[in-house]
N, C-alpha and C. Protein backbone atom coordinates (compact mmCIF):
# COMPACT_ATOMS: atom_id res chain seq x y z
N MET A 1 -0.74 -8.34 1.04
CA MET A 1 -1.30 -8.98 -0.14
C MET A 1 -0.97 -8.10 -1.35
N ASP A 2 -0.46 -8.71 -2.39
CA ASP A 2 -0.13 -7.90 -3.56
C ASP A 2 -1.40 -7.52 -4.32
N GLY A 3 -1.26 -6.56 -5.23
CA GLY A 3 -2.41 -6.01 -5.94
C GLY A 3 -3.20 -7.03 -6.74
N ARG A 4 -2.50 -7.93 -7.41
CA ARG A 4 -3.20 -8.93 -8.22
C ARG A 4 -4.05 -9.85 -7.34
N ASP A 5 -3.47 -10.31 -6.24
CA ASP A 5 -4.23 -11.18 -5.32
C ASP A 5 -5.42 -10.43 -4.73
N TYR A 6 -5.19 -9.18 -4.32
CA TYR A 6 -6.27 -8.38 -3.74
C TYR A 6 -7.41 -8.19 -4.74
N ARG A 7 -7.06 -7.80 -5.95
CA ARG A 7 -8.10 -7.56 -6.96
C ARG A 7 -8.81 -8.85 -7.37
N SER A 8 -8.08 -9.94 -7.44
CA SER A 8 -8.71 -11.23 -7.76
C SER A 8 -9.72 -11.60 -6.68
N LYS A 9 -9.35 -11.39 -5.43
CA LYS A 9 -10.26 -11.69 -4.32
C LYS A 9 -11.46 -10.74 -4.32
N THR A 10 -11.20 -9.45 -4.54
CA THR A 10 -12.25 -8.45 -4.50
C THR A 10 -13.25 -8.61 -5.65
N PHE A 11 -12.74 -8.85 -6.87
CA PHE A 11 -13.60 -8.93 -8.05
C PHE A 11 -14.03 -10.35 -8.40
N GLY A 12 -13.49 -11.33 -7.71
CA GLY A 12 -13.85 -12.71 -8.00
C GLY A 12 -12.87 -13.42 -8.90
N SER A 13 -12.16 -12.67 -9.73
CA SER A 13 -11.11 -13.23 -10.57
C SER A 13 -10.27 -12.09 -11.14
N TRP A 14 -9.05 -12.42 -11.51
CA TRP A 14 -8.16 -11.43 -12.13
C TRP A 14 -8.74 -11.00 -13.47
N GLU A 15 -9.27 -11.95 -14.22
CA GLU A 15 -9.81 -11.64 -15.55
C GLU A 15 -10.98 -10.66 -15.46
N TYR A 16 -11.86 -10.87 -14.48
CA TYR A 16 -12.98 -9.96 -14.33
C TYR A 16 -12.49 -8.57 -13.92
N SER A 17 -11.50 -8.49 -13.04
CA SER A 17 -10.97 -7.19 -12.63
C SER A 17 -10.40 -6.44 -13.84
N GLN A 18 -9.79 -7.17 -14.77
CA GLN A 18 -9.25 -6.55 -15.97
C GLN A 18 -10.36 -6.03 -16.87
N ARG A 19 -11.48 -6.77 -16.94
CA ARG A 19 -12.63 -6.30 -17.73
C ARG A 19 -13.20 -5.02 -17.14
N VAL A 20 -13.27 -4.95 -15.81
CA VAL A 20 -13.75 -3.74 -15.14
C VAL A 20 -12.82 -2.57 -15.46
N ASP A 21 -11.51 -2.81 -15.43
CA ASP A 21 -10.55 -1.76 -15.79
C ASP A 21 -10.79 -1.27 -17.22
N GLU A 22 -11.02 -2.18 -18.13
CA GLU A 22 -11.26 -1.79 -19.53
C GLU A 22 -12.53 -0.96 -19.65
N GLN A 23 -13.55 -1.30 -18.89
CA GLN A 23 -14.77 -0.49 -18.90
C GLN A 23 -14.49 0.92 -18.39
N GLY A 24 -13.66 1.01 -17.35
CA GLY A 24 -13.27 2.32 -16.83
C GLY A 24 -12.48 3.12 -17.84
N ARG A 25 -11.56 2.45 -18.53
CA ARG A 25 -10.78 3.14 -19.57
C ARG A 25 -11.68 3.64 -20.69
N ALA A 26 -12.64 2.80 -21.10
CA ALA A 26 -13.56 3.19 -22.17
C ALA A 26 -14.40 4.39 -21.76
N ALA A 27 -14.89 4.38 -20.52
CA ALA A 27 -15.68 5.51 -20.04
C ALA A 27 -14.83 6.78 -19.96
N GLY A 28 -13.60 6.64 -19.49
CA GLY A 28 -12.70 7.79 -19.42
C GLY A 28 -12.38 8.35 -20.79
N ALA A 29 -12.20 7.46 -21.76
CA ALA A 29 -11.86 7.90 -23.12
C ALA A 29 -12.95 8.79 -23.70
N LEU A 30 -14.20 8.54 -23.33
CA LEU A 30 -15.30 9.38 -23.81
C LEU A 30 -15.15 10.82 -23.33
N GLU A 31 -14.46 11.00 -22.21
CA GLU A 31 -14.23 12.33 -21.64
C GLU A 31 -12.79 12.80 -21.87
N GLU A 32 -12.08 12.10 -22.74
CA GLU A 32 -10.67 12.40 -23.06
C GLU A 32 -9.78 12.28 -21.83
N LEU A 33 -10.08 11.32 -20.96
CA LEU A 33 -9.27 11.02 -19.79
C LEU A 33 -8.62 9.67 -19.98
N GLU A 34 -7.40 9.54 -19.53
CA GLU A 34 -6.68 8.28 -19.64
C GLU A 34 -6.44 7.73 -18.24
N PHE A 35 -6.85 6.49 -18.01
CA PHE A 35 -6.62 5.83 -16.73
C PHE A 35 -5.51 4.82 -16.90
N ASN A 36 -4.48 4.96 -16.10
CA ASN A 36 -3.32 4.06 -16.16
C ASN A 36 -3.30 3.20 -14.90
N TYR A 37 -4.20 2.23 -14.85
CA TYR A 37 -4.32 1.39 -13.67
C TYR A 37 -3.04 0.63 -13.36
N GLU A 38 -2.28 0.30 -14.38
CA GLU A 38 -1.05 -0.46 -14.16
C GLU A 38 -0.01 0.35 -13.39
N ARG A 39 -0.17 1.66 -13.29
CA ARG A 39 0.76 2.49 -12.53
C ARG A 39 0.42 2.56 -11.05
N VAL A 40 -0.74 2.05 -10.68
CA VAL A 40 -1.16 2.08 -9.28
C VAL A 40 -0.43 0.96 -8.55
N ASN A 41 0.33 1.33 -7.53
CA ASN A 41 1.14 0.36 -6.79
C ASN A 41 0.36 -0.40 -5.74
N ARG A 42 -0.68 0.22 -5.20
CA ARG A 42 -1.47 -0.46 -4.17
C ARG A 42 -2.86 0.14 -4.14
N THR A 43 -3.77 -0.61 -3.56
CA THR A 43 -5.14 -0.15 -3.43
C THR A 43 -5.26 0.71 -2.17
N LEU A 44 -5.95 1.82 -2.29
CA LEU A 44 -6.11 2.71 -1.14
C LEU A 44 -7.04 2.09 -0.11
N SER A 45 -6.78 2.39 1.14
CA SER A 45 -7.72 2.00 2.20
C SER A 45 -8.94 2.92 2.07
N PRO A 46 -10.05 2.56 2.69
CA PRO A 46 -11.23 3.44 2.61
C PRO A 46 -10.94 4.86 3.09
N SER A 47 -10.19 5.01 4.18
CA SER A 47 -9.91 6.36 4.67
C SER A 47 -9.00 7.13 3.71
N GLU A 48 -8.05 6.42 3.07
CA GLU A 48 -7.19 7.08 2.08
C GLU A 48 -8.01 7.48 0.85
N ALA A 49 -8.95 6.64 0.45
CA ALA A 49 -9.80 6.96 -0.70
C ALA A 49 -10.65 8.20 -0.43
N VAL A 50 -11.18 8.30 0.79
CA VAL A 50 -11.96 9.49 1.16
C VAL A 50 -11.07 10.72 1.15
N ALA A 51 -9.85 10.60 1.69
CA ALA A 51 -8.93 11.74 1.70
C ALA A 51 -8.58 12.17 0.28
N LEU A 52 -8.33 11.21 -0.62
CA LEU A 52 -8.04 11.55 -2.01
C LEU A 52 -9.24 12.23 -2.66
N SER A 53 -10.42 11.76 -2.37
CA SER A 53 -11.63 12.38 -2.91
C SER A 53 -11.75 13.82 -2.43
N ASP A 54 -11.50 14.05 -1.15
CA ASP A 54 -11.57 15.41 -0.60
C ASP A 54 -10.52 16.32 -1.24
N ILE A 55 -9.30 15.81 -1.41
CA ILE A 55 -8.24 16.59 -2.05
C ILE A 55 -8.63 16.93 -3.49
N THR A 56 -9.20 15.95 -4.18
CA THR A 56 -9.60 16.15 -5.57
C THR A 56 -10.66 17.23 -5.69
N LYS A 57 -11.60 17.26 -4.76
CA LYS A 57 -12.65 18.29 -4.81
C LYS A 57 -12.05 19.69 -4.73
N VAL A 58 -10.98 19.83 -3.97
CA VAL A 58 -10.34 21.14 -3.80
C VAL A 58 -9.43 21.46 -4.99
N HIS A 59 -8.62 20.48 -5.41
CA HIS A 59 -7.57 20.75 -6.38
C HIS A 59 -7.91 20.39 -7.83
N ALA A 60 -8.92 19.56 -8.04
CA ALA A 60 -9.23 19.14 -9.41
C ALA A 60 -9.51 20.31 -10.35
N PRO A 61 -10.26 21.33 -9.93
CA PRO A 61 -10.47 22.45 -10.86
C PRO A 61 -9.16 23.08 -11.32
N LYS A 62 -8.18 23.19 -10.41
CA LYS A 62 -6.89 23.77 -10.79
C LYS A 62 -6.16 22.85 -11.77
N VAL A 63 -6.19 21.54 -11.48
CA VAL A 63 -5.52 20.58 -12.37
C VAL A 63 -6.19 20.58 -13.73
N LEU A 64 -7.50 20.57 -13.76
CA LEU A 64 -8.20 20.56 -15.05
C LEU A 64 -7.92 21.82 -15.84
N ASN A 65 -7.80 22.96 -15.17
CA ASN A 65 -7.46 24.19 -15.88
C ASN A 65 -6.08 24.09 -16.51
N ILE A 66 -5.12 23.52 -15.79
CA ILE A 66 -3.77 23.35 -16.33
C ILE A 66 -3.80 22.40 -17.52
N VAL A 67 -4.51 21.29 -17.38
CA VAL A 67 -4.57 20.29 -18.45
C VAL A 67 -5.19 20.87 -19.71
N ASN A 68 -6.19 21.72 -19.55
CA ASN A 68 -6.92 22.23 -20.70
C ASN A 68 -6.37 23.52 -21.28
N GLU A 69 -5.28 24.06 -20.71
CA GLU A 69 -4.69 25.27 -21.28
C GLU A 69 -4.08 24.94 -22.63
N PRO A 70 -4.56 25.56 -23.70
CA PRO A 70 -4.02 25.25 -25.04
C PRO A 70 -2.53 25.51 -25.16
N SER A 71 -2.01 26.51 -24.44
CA SER A 71 -0.59 26.84 -24.57
C SER A 71 0.30 25.77 -23.95
N ARG A 72 -0.25 24.92 -23.10
CA ARG A 72 0.55 23.89 -22.45
C ARG A 72 0.36 22.53 -23.12
N GLY A 73 -0.36 22.47 -24.19
CA GLY A 73 -0.63 21.17 -24.79
C GLY A 73 -1.65 20.43 -23.96
N ARG A 74 -1.58 19.12 -24.00
CA ARG A 74 -2.55 18.32 -23.23
C ARG A 74 -1.81 17.26 -22.41
N PRO A 75 -1.16 17.67 -21.31
CA PRO A 75 -0.49 16.67 -20.47
C PRO A 75 -1.52 15.71 -19.88
N GLN A 76 -1.08 14.55 -19.52
CA GLN A 76 -1.99 13.55 -18.98
C GLN A 76 -2.44 13.92 -17.58
N LEU A 77 -3.75 13.94 -17.37
CA LEU A 77 -4.30 14.26 -16.06
C LEU A 77 -3.82 13.26 -15.02
N THR A 78 -3.77 11.99 -15.37
CA THR A 78 -3.37 10.98 -14.41
C THR A 78 -1.92 11.19 -13.95
N ALA A 79 -1.09 11.71 -14.80
CA ALA A 79 0.31 11.95 -14.42
C ALA A 79 0.37 13.01 -13.33
N ARG A 80 -0.57 13.92 -13.31
CA ARG A 80 -0.58 14.97 -12.30
C ARG A 80 -1.18 14.47 -10.99
N LEU A 81 -1.98 13.41 -11.04
CA LEU A 81 -2.63 12.92 -9.84
C LEU A 81 -1.84 11.82 -9.13
N PHE A 82 -0.96 11.12 -9.86
CA PHE A 82 -0.20 10.02 -9.25
C PHE A 82 1.28 10.33 -9.26
């Protein structure tokens, strides 16, 4: 099942899934984070989502330190995660 069909089924409609994405982008913007949902090729399975969460707990502090180093500018956090 492609992403659009999956999200339409999961959220009830494609339009509603897009509104949810916009809410996520707005919340991220408050923390100076950019979410690029259109770059996601597929939805993670529950076990993959748990694995990504576990990896993030270990590596996120390192990534955030790199992102926030003034000498390196402000590269996009999402580019480092995907």
